[in-house]
Amino acid sequence: MENTAEKITPDSAPHHDHILILDFGSQVTQLIARRLRESGVYCEIWPFNQADEAKIKAYNPKGIILSGGPCSVLEVDSPRAPDCVFEMGVPVLGICYGQQTMVHQLGGVVEGEEDKTDGSREFGRAFVDVIEETPLFKGTWEKGANEQVWMSHGDHVATLPEGFKAVGKSDGAPFAMIANEEKQFYGLQFHPEVVHTPHGAELYKNFTHNICGCSGDWTMASFREESIAKIRAQVGDKKVICGLSGGVDSSVTAVLLHEAIGDQLTCIYVDTGMMRLGESEQVVELFRNHYNIPLIHEDASELFLGKLDGVSDPEKKRKIIGGLFIDVFEECAGRIGGADFLAQGTLYPDVIESVSFTGGPSVTIKSHHNVGGLPERMNMELVEPMRELFKDEVRDLGRELGMPEDFIRRHPFPGPGLAIRLPGEITEEKLDILRQADAVYIDEIKKAGLYDEIWQAFAVLLPVRTVGVMGDGRTYEYVCAIRAVTSTDGMTADYYPFEHEFLGRVMTRMINEVKGINRVVYDITSKPPGTIEWE
């Protein structure tokens, strides 16, 4: 994947009010951005140590939010906000660690939990008392109210800097909410971005709209229009290649590009033989026949299955599939000839992680799905029109483009496909069994009206045979595990609590309709400690 560190200051929303979020390493920083964008405010997340004064001033934000983080301001070399943040004359909102570093940098005092002179640690659900009115609470919280919030802190503010006042307190934080209304600096010890703070979204909207003066005019319609203009400016009259996986990200990317540059775009769909039931036919029908997009459909299933013959180690499977995919993709691209650009469905979470101040997993992010390594190997420039969007925003863009709802709502699907849902060796027989079982499972989920409640659902064919009885005969067939999880971003997940009647219907249909399965089990492992996929 290309180095994105120098691209952290985009020109994507030059005509929109925008907010800068400085990240201090909180696990929920992305939720801040999602809350702001839900109210029509464009924002960006920058690691605190990759945001110098020149970059911040060039970005010209209407306001700045300082995120939470795992460090203590009392530690040597702990993160700090650039001094210019407090000198630019724009509103600043500090969240948890962001509040503490604001106080510390402006002359106040932060104490550790061991001091406990005025407060103590708070983790999880807590309640704050609103003791003063402030623009941050306008129309949401009133003086004298006791409101639920979500806390996660050990340290606490003990003495306020000059010009600040307490506007709220909790049992563990005497200055849980603070304000310097002259300078429009605000600090909250809790996390408004999480769902456990019921009125958190309204607090953010008060900050962005009422305090910072943002108009909230960033919409998918405006993004679509601006993206088309940007694509045309970048590409000119050159050719673009887009790799289709059948998933949401690459599909929306392809349709947006086609709207921008028409037949300058050619899509390549490499059929590895490890796709879901009917998936290849759906991709060809939508892109070649419905959208009339030039499409190379390369059926390389025999090649992939041949290379995977006898391989059971999951990491070896991934490497074989990833390397072979690049070889096949490059060969297909060579038939087109003269293409200067490669389009990828890179999303904003990938960009954030790749420039993380902690290093981030940038070397492994979607290396297969985003055909990693190809831009350098083929000497092509990347076109990434959705690198500023979160997953839910990609779905909104798909709707704006008029794409079929079935494609837009699809659950995530791994780049290696069914290969990682077949622990052990891969055979054509096992793939056929798994495809049918997975189709039955998803069909029942849709019939029950549960598909949109679930982040991801799929079947796994285990390399285990068990004894069963069908009719008067003994069977010795495979075990099928089914998995369904709820999540917001895939980083953490919990199993979906199906009713037993539903699980019984799935089991009955699978065993009756799929030859080769005589036992069905449901995976109730959360992430962590497990992963969503099995391999």
Protein backbone atom coordinates (compact mmCIF):
# COMPACT_ATOMS: atom_id res chain seq x y z
CA MET A 1 0.00 0.00 0.00
CA GLU A 2 1.33 3.44 -0.79
CA ASN A 3 2.62 5.78 1.89
CA THR A 4 -0.28 8.04 2.84
CA ALA A 5 1.46 10.07 5.54
CA GLU A 6 2.04 13.05 3.26
CA LYS A 7 -1.58 13.03 2.09
CA ILE A 8 -3.12 13.70 5.46
CA THR A 9 -4.10 17.25 4.51
CA PRO A 10 -6.59 16.85 1.65
CA ASP A 11 -8.31 19.38 -0.55
CA SER A 12 -11.46 17.28 -0.53
CA ALA A 13 -13.79 19.75 1.12
CA PRO A 14 -12.37 23.21 0.35
CA HIS A 15 -15.83 24.77 0.08
CA HIS A 16 -17.23 23.27 3.28
CA ASP A 17 -16.79 24.25 6.90
CA HIS A 18 -14.59 21.65 8.50
CA ILE A 19 -13.37 20.55 11.91
CA LEU A 20 -9.95 19.12 12.80
CA ILE A 21 -9.75 16.20 15.23
CA LEU A 22 -6.32 15.66 16.79
CA ASP A 23 -5.91 12.01 17.80
CA PHE A 24 -4.10 11.05 21.00
CA GLY A 25 -4.67 7.33 20.53
CA SER A 26 -8.20 6.71 21.80
CA GLN A 27 -9.89 3.55 20.55
CA VAL A 28 -13.04 5.56 19.83
CA THR A 29 -11.62 8.58 18.01
CA GLN A 30 -13.24 7.45 14.77
CA LEU A 31 -16.62 7.69 16.47
CA ILE A 32 -16.06 11.42 16.98
CA ALA A 33 -15.70 11.87 13.23
CA ARG A 34 -18.79 9.79 12.58
CA ARG A 35 -20.86 11.91 14.98
CA LEU A 36 -19.75 15.12 13.28
CA ARG A 37 -20.38 13.85 9.77
CA GLU A 38 -23.83 12.61 10.75
CA SER A 39 -24.71 16.26 11.33
CA GLY A 40 -23.33 17.35 7.96
CA VAL A 41 -19.95 18.61 9.16
CA TYR A 42 -16.83 17.50 7.30
CA CYS A 43 -13.92 16.60 9.58
CA GLU A 44 -10.55 14.89 9.52
CA ILE A 45 -8.55 12.93 12.08
CA TRP A 46 -4.83 13.71 12.30
CA PRO A 47 -2.31 12.09 14.67
CA PHE A 48 -1.26 14.82 17.12
CA ASN A 49 2.42 14.45 16.20
CA GLN A 50 1.85 14.83 12.45
CA ALA A 51 0.05 18.15 12.75
CA ASP A 52 2.43 21.09 12.89
CA GLU A 53 1.44 24.74 12.96
CA ALA A 54 1.81 25.26 9.22
CA LYS A 55 -0.44 22.28 8.35
CA ILE A 56 -3.10 23.23 10.87
CA LYS A 57 -3.25 26.84 9.71
CA ALA A 58 -3.32 25.75 6.06
CA TYR A 59 -6.27 23.47 6.83
CA ASN A 60 -8.05 26.46 8.40
CA PRO A 61 -10.49 24.54 10.63
CA LYS A 62 -13.57 26.17 12.10
CA GLY A 63 -12.81 24.35 15.35
CA ILE A 64 -10.50 21.72 16.84
CA ILE A 65 -11.34 18.64 18.91
CA LEU A 66 -8.71 16.95 21.08
CA SER A 67 -9.46 13.23 21.42
CA GLY A 68 -9.04 10.90 24.35
CA GLY A 69 -6.03 8.64 24.71
CA PRO A 70 -4.40 5.94 26.84
CA CYS A 71 -1.58 8.07 28.27
CA SER A 72 -1.35 10.21 31.40
CA VAL A 73 -0.34 13.87 31.09
CA LEU A 74 1.75 13.24 34.21
CA GLU A 75 4.05 10.88 32.29
CA VAL A 76 7.27 12.14 30.81
CA ASP A 77 6.99 12.67 27.02
CA SER A 78 3.23 12.08 27.01
CA PRO A 79 1.39 13.59 24.00
CA ARG A 80 0.66 17.30 23.81
CA ALA A 81 -1.42 19.43 21.48
CA PRO A 82 0.57 21.84 19.29
CA ASP A 83 0.65 25.22 21.06
CA CYS A 84 -0.89 26.93 18.04
CA VAL A 85 -4.17 25.11 18.77
CA PHE A 86 -4.77 27.50 21.67
CA GLU A 87 -3.49 30.56 19.81
CA MET A 88 -5.50 30.43 16.56
CA GLY A 89 -8.66 31.98 17.94
CA VAL A 90 -10.88 28.99 17.03
CA PRO A 91 -13.05 27.00 19.46
CA VAL A 92 -11.42 23.95 21.04
CA LEU A 93 -13.13 20.95 22.65
CA GLY A 94 -11.05 18.53 24.74
CA ILE A 95 -12.36 15.00 25.37
CA CYS A 96 -11.02 12.96 28.33
CA TYR A 97 -7.23 13.03 27.77
CA GLY A 98 -7.86 15.98 25.45
CA GLN A 99 -9.40 17.89 28.35
CA GLN A 100 -6.50 16.99 30.61
CA THR A 101 -3.76 18.06 28.20
CA MET A 102 -5.63 21.31 27.54
CA VAL A 103 -5.73 22.05 31.26
CA HIS A 104 -2.12 21.00 31.76
CA GLN A 105 -0.83 23.07 28.83
CA LEU A 106 -2.79 26.17 29.84
CA GLY A 107 -1.52 26.23 33.44
CA GLY A 108 -3.98 24.08 35.37
CA VAL A 109 -3.27 20.98 37.43
CA VAL A 110 -4.05 17.34 36.65
CA GLU A 111 -3.74 14.74 39.40
CA GLY A 112 -3.30 10.98 39.18
CA GLU A 113 -5.78 8.56 40.67
CA GLU A 114 -3.37 7.80 43.50
CA ASP A 115 -3.63 11.41 44.73
CA LYS A 116 -7.40 11.27 45.19
CA THR A 117 -7.61 14.69 46.80
CA ASP A 118 -10.79 15.64 44.97
CA GLY A 119 -11.68 12.71 42.76
CA SER A 120 -11.04 9.13 41.71
CA ARG A 121 -11.12 6.82 38.74
CA GLU A 122 -14.31 6.23 36.76
CA PHE A 123 -14.82 3.56 34.12
CA GLY A 124 -18.07 2.84 32.33
CA ARG A 125 -21.46 4.35 33.00
CA ALA A 126 -21.45 7.42 35.24
CA PHE A 127 -23.58 10.47 35.93
CA VAL A 128 -22.70 14.15 35.81
CA ASP A 129 -24.37 17.05 37.58
CA VAL A 130 -24.88 20.13 35.40
CA ILE A 131 -23.93 23.05 37.67
CA GLU A 132 -23.76 25.93 35.16
CA GLU A 133 -25.32 26.77 31.83
CA THR A 134 -23.04 27.00 28.79
CA PRO A 135 -23.50 27.13 24.97
CA LEU A 136 -22.22 23.55 24.79
CA PHE A 137 -25.38 22.37 26.57
CA LYS A 138 -27.88 24.62 24.78
CA GLY A 139 -31.20 22.85 24.19
CA THR A 140 -29.78 19.61 25.59
CA TRP A 141 -28.88 19.85 29.26
CA GLU A 142 -30.22 22.28 31.87
CA LYS A 143 -28.65 23.53 35.06
CA GLY A 144 -29.47 21.18 37.92
CA ALA A 145 -29.86 18.11 35.70
CA ASN A 146 -28.18 14.78 36.40
CA GLU A 147 -27.17 13.16 33.09
CA GLN A 148 -25.80 9.75 32.11
CA VAL A 149 -22.38 9.66 30.41
CA TRP A 150 -19.60 7.16 29.71
CA MET A 151 -16.33 7.65 31.58
CA SER A 152 -12.91 6.06 31.15
CA HIS A 153 -10.31 7.86 33.26
CA GLY A 154 -7.94 7.50 36.19
CA ASP A 155 -6.42 10.98 36.24
CA HIS A 156 -8.63 14.01 36.80
CA VAL A 157 -8.45 17.80 36.63
CA ALA A 158 -7.73 19.22 40.10
CA THR A 159 -7.14 22.94 39.39
CA LEU A 160 -8.50 24.95 36.47
CA PRO A 161 -6.42 27.28 34.31
CA GLU A 162 -7.15 31.01 34.41
CA GLY A 163 -10.40 31.94 32.66
CA PHE A 164 -12.05 28.51 33.06
CA LYS A 165 -15.04 27.59 35.19
CA ALA A 166 -16.62 24.28 36.16
CA VAL A 167 -19.94 23.65 34.43
CA GLY A 168 -20.39 20.04 35.55
CA LYS A 169 -19.09 17.50 38.03
CA SER A 170 -19.26 13.78 38.75
CA ASP A 171 -18.47 11.59 41.73
CA GLY A 172 -14.96 10.98 40.47
CA ALA A 173 -14.22 14.26 38.69
CA PRO A 174 -14.89 17.64 40.35
CA PHE A 175 -14.26 19.31 36.99
CA ALA A 176 -15.94 16.80 34.70
CA MET A 177 -17.10 19.63 32.41
CA ILE A 178 -15.27 22.93 32.09
CA ALA A 179 -15.55 26.03 29.94
CA ASN A 180 -13.66 29.20 29.06
CA GLU A 181 -16.44 30.95 27.21
CA GLU A 182 -14.37 34.01 26.30
CA LYS A 183 -11.93 31.90 24.30
CA GLN A 184 -14.53 29.22 23.49
CA PHE A 185 -12.45 26.44 25.03
CA TYR A 186 -14.42 23.49 26.46
CA GLY A 187 -13.42 20.26 28.14
CA LEU A 188 -15.33 17.06 28.96
CA GLN A 189 -13.93 14.26 31.09
CA PHE A 190 -16.38 11.78 29.53
CA HIS A 191 -16.82 10.49 25.96
CA PRO A 192 -19.82 12.02 24.13
CA GLU A 193 -19.09 9.99 20.99
CA VAL A 194 -20.15 6.60 22.41
CA VAL A 195 -23.75 5.42 22.52
CA HIS A 196 -23.55 5.11 26.31
CA THR A 197 -23.65 8.93 26.49
CA PRO A 198 -27.27 9.35 25.31
CA HIS A 199 -27.07 13.06 24.40
CA GLY A 200 -23.49 13.01 23.12
CA ALA A 201 -24.41 13.67 19.49
CA GLU A 202 -26.31 16.82 20.52
CA LEU A 203 -23.31 18.08 22.49
CA TYR A 204 -21.08 17.68 19.43
CA LYS A 205 -23.65 19.42 17.27
CA ASN A 206 -23.78 22.33 19.70
CA PHE A 207 -20.00 22.61 19.44
CA THR A 208 -19.81 22.39 15.65
CA HIS A 209 -22.95 24.31 14.66
CA ASN A 210 -23.59 26.78 17.47
CA ILE A 211 -20.10 27.47 18.81
CA CYS A 212 -17.94 26.95 15.68
CA GLY A 213 -20.63 28.21 13.29
CA CYS A 214 -20.53 25.26 10.87
CA SER A 215 -23.42 25.22 8.40
CA GLY A 216 -23.67 21.43 8.15
CA ASP A 217 -23.71 21.44 4.34
CA TRP A 218 -21.51 18.38 3.74
CA THR A 219 -23.80 15.81 2.10
CA MET A 220 -23.43 12.77 -0.12
CA ALA A 221 -24.86 14.77 -3.02
CA SER A 222 -22.13 17.39 -2.65
CA PHE A 223 -19.46 14.70 -2.16
CA ARG A 224 -20.59 12.96 -5.34
CA GLU A 225 -20.42 16.17 -7.36
CA GLU A 226 -17.03 17.20 -5.98
CA SER A 227 -15.56 13.69 -6.36
CA ILE A 228 -16.54 13.51 -10.02
CA ALA A 229 -14.80 16.84 -10.63
CA LYS A 230 -11.69 15.66 -8.77
CA ILE A 231 -11.56 12.35 -10.70
CA ARG A 232 -11.82 14.16 -14.03
CA ALA A 233 -9.10 16.61 -13.02
CA GLN A 234 -6.76 13.82 -11.88
CA VAL A 235 -7.34 11.39 -14.74
CA GLY A 236 -7.82 13.70 -17.72
CA ASP A 237 -8.21 11.57 -20.84
CA LYS A 238 -6.15 8.62 -19.49
CA LYS A 239 -7.33 5.04 -18.88
CA VAL A 240 -8.21 3.69 -15.43
CA ILE A 241 -8.33 0.08 -14.21
CA CYS A 242 -10.51 -0.88 -11.25
CA GLY A 243 -10.34 -4.23 -9.50
CA LEU A 244 -13.79 -5.54 -8.60
CA SER A 245 -14.21 -7.91 -5.67
CA GLY A 246 -18.00 -7.98 -5.64
CA GLY A 247 -18.02 -6.13 -2.32
CA VAL A 248 -19.49 -2.73 -1.49
CA ASP A 249 -16.28 -0.67 -1.56
CA SER A 250 -15.02 -1.67 -5.00
CA SER A 251 -18.54 -1.68 -6.47
CA VAL A 252 -19.31 1.89 -5.39
CA THR A 253 -15.85 2.99 -6.51
CA ALA A 254 -16.46 1.53 -9.98
CA VAL A 255 -19.89 3.14 -10.42
CA LEU A 256 -18.61 6.55 -9.27
CA LEU A 257 -15.65 6.33 -11.65
CA HIS A 258 -17.84 5.29 -14.55
CA GLU A 259 -20.11 8.27 -13.94
CA ALA A 260 -17.04 10.53 -13.99
CA ILE A 261 -15.03 9.15 -16.94
CA GLY A 262 -17.25 6.65 -18.79
CA ASP A 263 -15.45 4.14 -21.00
CA GLN A 264 -12.02 5.34 -19.87
CA LEU A 265 -12.66 2.87 -17.04
CA THR A 266 -12.21 -0.89 -17.36
CA CYS A 267 -13.02 -3.19 -14.46
CA ILE A 268 -11.27 -6.47 -13.80
CA TYR A 269 -13.05 -9.19 -11.86
CA VAL A 270 -10.79 -12.12 -10.98
CA ASP A 271 -12.92 -15.15 -10.16
CA THR A 272 -10.80 -17.20 -7.77
CA GLY A 273 -13.33 -20.00 -7.53
CA MET A 274 -13.87 -19.12 -3.89
CA MET A 275 -16.83 -16.77 -4.22
CA ARG A 276 -20.28 -17.23 -2.74
CA LEU A 277 -23.16 -18.94 -4.56
CA GLY A 278 -24.13 -16.95 -7.66
CA GLU A 279 -21.79 -14.08 -6.81
CA SER A 280 -19.81 -14.03 -10.03
CA GLU A 281 -22.97 -14.03 -12.10
CA GLN A 282 -24.33 -11.10 -10.07
CA VAL A 283 -21.17 -9.05 -10.59
CA VAL A 284 -21.16 -9.63 -14.35
CA GLU A 285 -24.87 -8.87 -14.64
CA LEU A 286 -24.64 -5.61 -12.70
CA PHE A 287 -21.50 -4.12 -14.18
CA ARG A 288 -21.39 -5.46 -17.72
CA ASN A 289 -25.09 -5.71 -18.52
CA HIS A 290 -26.77 -3.12 -16.26
CA TYR A 291 -24.15 -0.36 -16.11
CA ASN A 292 -22.49 -1.26 -19.42
CA ILE A 293 -19.04 -0.84 -17.85
CA PRO A 294 -16.19 -2.49 -19.80
CA LEU A 295 -15.42 -5.60 -17.75
CA ILE A 296 -12.86 -8.38 -17.91
CA HIS A 297 -14.25 -11.43 -16.11
CA GLU A 298 -11.30 -13.76 -15.58
CA ASP A 299 -12.27 -17.25 -14.44
CA ALA A 300 -9.07 -18.41 -12.75
CA SER A 301 -10.71 -20.91 -10.41
CA GLU A 302 -8.77 -23.94 -11.69
CA LEU A 303 -5.48 -22.06 -11.33
CA PHE A 304 -6.21 -20.99 -7.73
CA LEU A 305 -7.52 -24.38 -6.62
CA GLY A 306 -4.52 -26.08 -8.20
CA LYS A 307 -2.05 -23.90 -6.30
CA LEU A 308 -3.97 -24.47 -3.05
CA ASP A 309 -4.09 -28.24 -3.42
CA GLY A 310 -2.92 -29.85 -0.19
CA VAL A 311 -2.33 -26.54 1.62
CA SER A 312 -3.95 -26.29 5.05
CA ASP A 313 -1.96 -23.57 6.85
CA PRO A 314 -4.13 -20.39 6.85
CA GLU A 315 -1.24 -17.97 6.38
CA LYS A 316 0.11 -19.97 3.43
CA LYS A 317 -3.37 -19.92 1.90
CA ARG A 318 -3.51 -16.12 2.19
CA LYS A 319 -0.06 -15.66 0.68
CA ILE A 320 -0.78 -18.01 -2.22
CA ILE A 321 -4.11 -16.31 -2.97
CA GLY A 322 -2.71 -12.79 -2.60
CA GLY A 323 0.34 -13.43 -4.78
CA LEU A 324 -1.59 -15.31 -7.44
CA PHE A 325 -4.28 -12.65 -7.49
CA ILE A 326 -1.69 -9.99 -8.32
CA ASP A 327 -0.22 -12.18 -11.09
CA VAL A 328 -3.62 -12.77 -12.69
CA PHE A 329 -4.70 -9.15 -12.26
CA GLU A 330 -1.49 -7.89 -13.85
CA GLU A 331 -1.91 -10.24 -16.81
CA CYS A 332 -5.48 -9.00 -17.34
CA ALA A 333 -4.39 -5.38 -17.06
CA GLY A 334 -1.77 -6.01 -19.71
CA ARG A 335 -4.50 -6.88 -22.20
CA ILE A 336 -6.03 -3.43 -21.77
CA GLY A 337 -2.78 -1.62 -22.47
CA GLY A 338 -1.90 1.98 -21.77
CA ALA A 339 -3.66 2.40 -18.44
CA ASP A 340 -2.02 4.99 -16.18
CA PHE A 341 -4.27 4.73 -13.14
CA LEU A 342 -5.38 1.98 -10.76
CA ALA A 343 -8.57 2.62 -8.77
CA GLN A 344 -8.95 1.23 -5.26
CA GLY A 345 -11.76 1.27 -2.72
CA THR A 346 -9.57 2.56 0.10
CA LEU A 347 -11.67 3.95 2.96
CA TYR A 348 -10.90 6.56 5.61
CA PRO A 349 -10.23 4.06 8.44
CA ASP A 350 -7.43 2.60 6.27
CA VAL A 351 -5.93 6.07 5.83
CA ILE A 352 -6.18 6.86 9.54
CA GLU A 353 -4.46 3.62 10.52
CA SER A 354 -1.71 4.02 7.94
CA VAL A 355 -0.66 7.38 9.44
CA SER A 356 -1.19 6.42 13.09
CA PHE A 357 1.43 7.81 15.46
CA THR A 358 1.70 4.33 16.97
CA GLY A 359 2.71 2.83 13.62
CA GLY A 360 -0.62 1.26 12.77
CA PRO A 361 -1.21 -1.92 10.80
CA SER A 362 -0.62 -0.18 7.47
CA VAL A 363 1.49 -3.01 6.10
CA THR A 364 -1.43 -5.44 6.25
CA ILE A 365 -4.55 -3.34 5.65
CA LYS A 366 -6.59 -4.99 2.90
CA SER A 367 -3.46 -6.06 1.05
CA HIS A 368 -5.43 -8.49 -1.14
CA HIS A 369 -8.70 -6.59 -1.46
CA ASN A 370 -6.90 -3.42 -2.52
CA VAL A 371 -4.54 -5.33 -4.83
CA GLY A 372 -1.57 -4.23 -2.73
CA GLY A 373 1.76 -3.96 -4.52
CA LEU A 374 0.26 -3.43 -7.96
CA PRO A 375 0.69 0.37 -8.23
CA GLU A 376 4.48 0.08 -7.79
CA ARG A 377 4.83 -3.14 -9.79
CA MET A 378 2.82 -1.77 -12.73
CA ASN A 379 4.03 1.83 -12.40
CA MET A 380 0.49 3.13 -11.98
CA GLU A 381 -0.90 6.08 -10.05
CA LEU A 382 -3.69 5.43 -7.57
CA VAL A 383 -7.21 6.81 -7.80
CA GLU A 384 -8.93 6.50 -4.41
CA PRO A 385 -12.15 8.53 -4.56
CA MET A 386 -13.52 7.17 -1.27
CA ARG A 387 -10.46 7.58 0.92
CA GLU A 388 -12.33 10.21 2.96
CA LEU A 389 -15.40 8.05 3.70
CA PHE A 390 -16.40 5.63 6.45
CA LYS A 391 -18.17 2.38 5.56
CA ASP A 392 -21.65 3.68 6.30
CA GLU A 393 -20.93 6.74 4.16
CA VAL A 394 -19.91 4.48 1.26
CA ARG A 395 -23.33 2.84 1.47
CA ASP A 396 -24.95 6.30 1.46
CA LEU A 397 -22.92 7.21 -1.63
CA GLY A 398 -24.08 3.99 -3.32
CA ARG A 399 -27.67 5.02 -2.69
CA GLU A 400 -26.91 8.50 -4.03
CA LEU A 401 -25.61 6.81 -7.18
CA GLY A 402 -28.80 4.75 -7.47
CA MET A 403 -27.15 1.38 -6.93
CA PRO A 404 -29.28 -1.71 -6.08
CA GLU A 405 -29.96 -1.99 -2.36
CA ASP A 406 -28.82 -5.63 -2.31
CA PHE A 407 -25.32 -4.57 -3.32
CA ILE A 408 -25.20 -1.58 -1.01
CA ARG A 409 -26.25 -3.52 2.09
CA ARG A 410 -23.96 -6.50 1.58
CA HIS A 411 -22.04 -7.76 4.57
CA PRO A 412 -18.22 -7.54 4.42
CA PHE A 413 -16.55 -10.40 2.58
CA PRO A 414 -12.83 -11.26 2.98
CA GLY A 415 -10.44 -10.86 0.06
CA PRO A 416 -9.38 -14.54 0.11
CA GLY A 417 -13.06 -15.45 -0.06
CA LEU A 418 -14.32 -18.82 1.12
CA ALA A 419 -10.75 -20.08 1.46
CA ILE A 420 -10.59 -18.76 5.02
CA ARG A 421 -14.00 -20.21 5.85
CA LEU A 422 -12.70 -23.68 5.05
CA PRO A 423 -10.16 -24.55 7.77
CA GLY A 424 -7.82 -27.21 6.48
CA GLU A 425 -7.38 -28.27 2.88
CA ILE A 426 -9.58 -26.77 0.17
CA THR A 427 -11.37 -28.95 -2.38
CA GLU A 428 -14.06 -28.27 -4.95
CA GLU A 429 -16.40 -30.60 -3.06
CA LYS A 430 -15.98 -28.66 0.20
CA LEU A 431 -16.46 -25.34 -1.59
CA ASP A 432 -19.73 -26.53 -3.12
CA ILE A 433 -21.01 -27.72 0.28
CA LEU A 434 -20.02 -24.43 1.93
CA ARG A 435 -21.62 -22.30 -0.81
CA GLN A 436 -24.93 -24.08 -0.43
CA ALA A 437 -24.85 -23.97 3.38
CA ASP A 438 -23.99 -20.27 3.39
CA ALA A 439 -26.81 -19.50 0.93
CA VAL A 440 -29.34 -21.31 3.13
CA TYR A 441 -28.13 -19.44 6.23
CA ILE A 442 -28.25 -15.98 4.62
CA ASP A 443 -31.65 -16.74 3.09
CA GLU A 444 -33.07 -17.54 6.53
CA ILE A 445 -31.54 -14.37 8.01
CA LYS A 446 -33.16 -12.27 5.29
CA LYS A 447 -36.52 -14.02 5.67
CA ALA A 448 -36.40 -13.23 9.39
CA GLY A 449 -35.73 -9.54 8.63
CA LEU A 450 -32.42 -9.64 10.53
CA TYR A 451 -29.88 -9.01 7.76
CA ASP A 452 -29.47 -5.28 8.41
CA GLU A 453 -29.15 -5.78 12.16
CA ILE A 454 -26.09 -7.98 11.66
CA TRP A 455 -22.62 -6.70 10.72
CA GLN A 456 -21.49 -9.99 9.21
CA ALA A 457 -22.92 -13.50 8.96
CA PHE A 458 -21.48 -16.58 7.28
CA ALA A 459 -21.03 -20.34 7.43
CA VAL A 460 -17.77 -22.21 8.07
CA LEU A 461 -17.24 -25.81 6.98
CA LEU A 462 -15.09 -27.49 9.61
CA PRO A 463 -12.49 -30.16 8.79
CA VAL A 464 -14.37 -32.51 11.13
CA ARG A 465 -16.74 -35.36 10.33
CA THR A 466 -19.24 -36.66 12.86
CA VAL A 467 -21.55 -39.63 13.07
CA GLY A 468 -25.22 -38.97 12.38
CA VAL A 469 -28.43 -40.80 11.68
CA MET A 470 -30.64 -40.03 8.68
CA GLY A 471 -33.62 -42.29 8.16
CA ASP A 472 -32.46 -45.72 9.18
CA GLY A 473 -28.90 -45.19 8.05
CA ARG A 474 -25.68 -44.03 9.63
CA THR A 475 -23.97 -40.93 8.21
CA TYR A 476 -20.44 -39.65 8.61
CA GLU A 477 -20.40 -36.08 7.30
CA TYR A 478 -19.11 -32.57 7.94
CA VAL A 479 -19.86 -30.13 10.76
CA CYS A 480 -20.99 -26.66 9.69
CA ALA A 481 -20.43 -23.72 12.06
CA ILE A 482 -22.50 -20.60 11.59
CA ARG A 483 -21.41 -17.15 12.75
CA ALA A 484 -23.19 -13.80 13.07
CA VAL A 485 -21.82 -10.71 14.79
CA THR A 486 -22.86 -7.17 15.58
CA SER A 487 -20.29 -4.40 15.28
CA THR A 488 -19.82 -0.80 14.19
CA ASP A 489 -16.38 -1.03 12.59
CA GLY A 490 -15.23 -4.65 12.82
CA MET A 491 -12.59 -3.80 15.43
CA THR A 492 -14.69 -5.34 18.20
CA ALA A 493 -17.74 -7.55 17.81
CA ASP A 494 -20.29 -9.58 19.74
CA TYR A 495 -22.31 -12.58 18.60
CA TYR A 496 -25.88 -12.00 17.47
CA PRO A 497 -28.41 -13.45 19.97
CA PHE A 498 -30.57 -15.52 17.62
CA GLU A 499 -33.67 -17.15 19.06
CA HIS A 500 -33.44 -20.93 19.33
CA GLU A 501 -36.36 -21.34 16.93
CA PHE A 502 -34.35 -19.52 14.24
CA LEU A 503 -31.27 -21.68 14.79
CA GLY A 504 -33.46 -24.75 14.59
CA ARG A 505 -34.83 -23.66 11.19
CA VAL A 506 -31.34 -23.10 9.85
CA MET A 507 -30.18 -26.50 11.08
CA THR A 508 -33.17 -28.29 9.58
CA ARG A 509 -32.78 -26.65 6.17
CA MET A 510 -29.02 -27.20 6.01
CA ILE A 511 -29.19 -30.88 6.83
CA ASN A 512 -32.16 -31.46 4.55
CA GLU A 513 -30.91 -29.41 1.59
CA VAL A 514 -27.11 -29.64 1.72
CA LYS A 515 -25.64 -33.05 1.09
CA GLY A 516 -22.48 -33.52 3.13
CA ILE A 517 -23.54 -31.84 6.41
CA ASN A 518 -25.07 -33.70 9.35
CA ARG A 519 -24.36 -31.32 12.25
CA VAL A 520 -24.69 -27.53 12.74
CA VAL A 521 -23.16 -25.47 15.58
CA TYR A 522 -23.41 -21.74 16.41
CA ASP A 523 -20.27 -19.74 17.28
CA ILE A 524 -20.93 -17.40 20.24
CA THR A 525 -17.36 -16.08 20.60
CA SER A 526 -16.95 -12.30 20.81
CA LYS A 527 -14.03 -10.28 19.42
CA PRO A 528 -11.86 -10.20 21.44
CA PRO A 529 -10.91 -12.87 22.39
CA GLY A 530 -11.77 -14.42 19.01
CA THR A 531 -11.67 -12.89 15.55
CA ILE A 532 -14.70 -12.49 13.32
CA GLU A 533 -13.36 -14.85 10.65
CA TRP A 534 -12.08 -18.28 11.59
CA GLU A 535 -8.75 -18.02 9.75
